[in-house]
């Protein structure tokens, strides 16, 4: 069975910083990471440059940053990104 872990920081950010209207969407999209790397091809997931083993998933104006340890995705943080630049992450 596929699993998914959330860091304490990501849980805190989800509850405190993400509006309820976006929270449900983020949780449902993150739930699909349980089968990583066998996820839907239309999920916007990319590896972060310069950070081996770290990925980001785009969910609207939010970015979910995660790593994969022994086949289990671990959600590290959720960031609100209004303007993307080369130094966003």
Protein backbone atom coordinates (compact mmCIF):
# COMPACT_ATOMS: atom_id res chain seq x y z
CA UNK A 1 0.00 0.00 0.00
CA UNK A 2 1.30 3.42 -0.93
CA UNK A 3 1.89 5.93 1.85
CA UNK A 4 2.49 9.64 2.15
CA UNK A 5 4.06 11.59 5.02
CA UNK A 6 3.65 15.25 5.98
CA UNK A 7 6.30 17.16 7.91
CA UNK A 8 5.09 19.11 10.95
CA UNK A 9 6.01 22.33 9.15
CA UNK A 10 3.84 21.49 6.13
CA UNK A 11 0.85 20.64 8.34
CA UNK A 12 1.25 23.94 10.19
CA UNK A 13 1.50 25.90 6.93
CA UNK A 14 -1.52 24.15 5.48
CA UNK A 15 -3.67 24.95 8.51
CA UNK A 16 -2.39 28.48 9.13
CA UNK A 17 -1.37 30.00 5.80
CA UNK A 18 -3.59 28.35 3.18
CA UNK A 19 -7.20 29.56 2.82
CA UNK A 20 -9.87 26.89 3.28
CA UNK A 21 -10.93 27.28 -0.34
CA UNK A 22 -7.46 26.17 -1.52
CA UNK A 23 -6.75 23.68 1.27
CA UNK A 24 -9.08 20.99 -0.08
CA UNK A 25 -7.57 21.21 -3.57
CA UNK A 26 -4.02 20.96 -2.21
CA UNK A 27 -4.85 17.96 -0.03
CA UNK A 28 -6.51 16.09 -2.91
CA UNK A 29 -3.60 16.79 -5.27
CA UNK A 30 -1.02 15.78 -2.65
CA UNK A 31 -2.92 12.53 -2.02
CA UNK A 32 -2.10 11.53 -5.59
CA UNK A 33 1.61 11.62 -4.73
CA UNK A 34 1.22 8.41 -2.73
CA UNK A 35 1.96 6.44 -5.92
CA UNK A 36 4.96 8.56 -6.94
CA UNK A 37 6.53 8.20 -9.53
CA UNK A 38 3.48 6.52 -11.11
CA UNK A 39 1.19 9.55 -11.01
CA UNK A 40 -1.10 11.14 -13.59
CA UNK A 41 0.98 12.73 -16.34
CA UNK A 42 -0.92 16.03 -16.10
CA UNK A 43 0.20 16.71 -12.51
CA UNK A 44 2.67 19.58 -12.66
CA UNK A 45 5.66 17.97 -10.92
CA UNK A 46 9.25 18.96 -11.63
CA UNK A 47 12.58 18.23 -9.93
CA UNK A 48 14.20 21.27 -8.33
CA UNK A 49 17.49 22.23 -9.93
CA UNK A 50 20.45 22.08 -7.59
CA UNK A 51 18.52 20.09 -4.98
CA UNK A 52 18.98 16.38 -5.55
CA UNK A 53 15.88 14.36 -4.81
CA UNK A 54 13.64 17.38 -4.19
CA UNK A 55 10.57 18.05 -6.26
CA UNK A 56 7.86 20.66 -6.49
CA UNK A 57 4.24 20.24 -7.45
CA UNK A 58 2.29 23.27 -8.62
CA UNK A 59 -1.26 23.65 -7.29
CA UNK A 60 -2.58 27.03 -8.45
CA UNK A 61 -0.64 29.79 -6.68
CA UNK A 62 0.88 27.28 -4.24
CA UNK A 63 3.93 25.05 -4.52
CA UNK A 64 4.19 21.81 -2.61
CA UNK A 65 7.84 20.91 -2.05
CA UNK A 66 8.62 17.27 -1.32
CA UNK A 67 11.30 14.60 -1.27
CA UNK A 68 11.03 10.86 -1.79
CA UNK A 69 12.69 8.60 0.79
CA UNK A 70 12.58 4.85 0.19
CA UNK A 71 9.63 5.27 -2.17
CA UNK A 72 7.60 7.36 0.27
CA UNK A 73 6.95 11.02 -0.59
CA UNK A 74 7.47 13.39 2.35
CA UNK A 75 5.81 16.80 2.06
CA UNK A 76 8.32 19.37 3.30
CA UNK A 77 6.60 22.71 2.85
CA UNK A 78 3.83 24.59 1.08
CA UNK A 79 4.75 27.96 -0.40
CA UNK A 80 2.54 30.71 -1.78
CA UNK A 81 4.04 32.04 -5.02
CA UNK A 82 2.51 35.09 -6.67
CA UNK A 83 5.35 35.94 -9.02
CA UNK A 84 7.78 33.37 -10.36
CA UNK A 85 11.40 34.30 -11.02
CA UNK A 86 14.62 32.37 -11.32
CA UNK A 87 15.02 32.69 -7.52
CA UNK A 88 11.51 31.60 -6.49
CA UNK A 89 12.61 28.32 -4.93
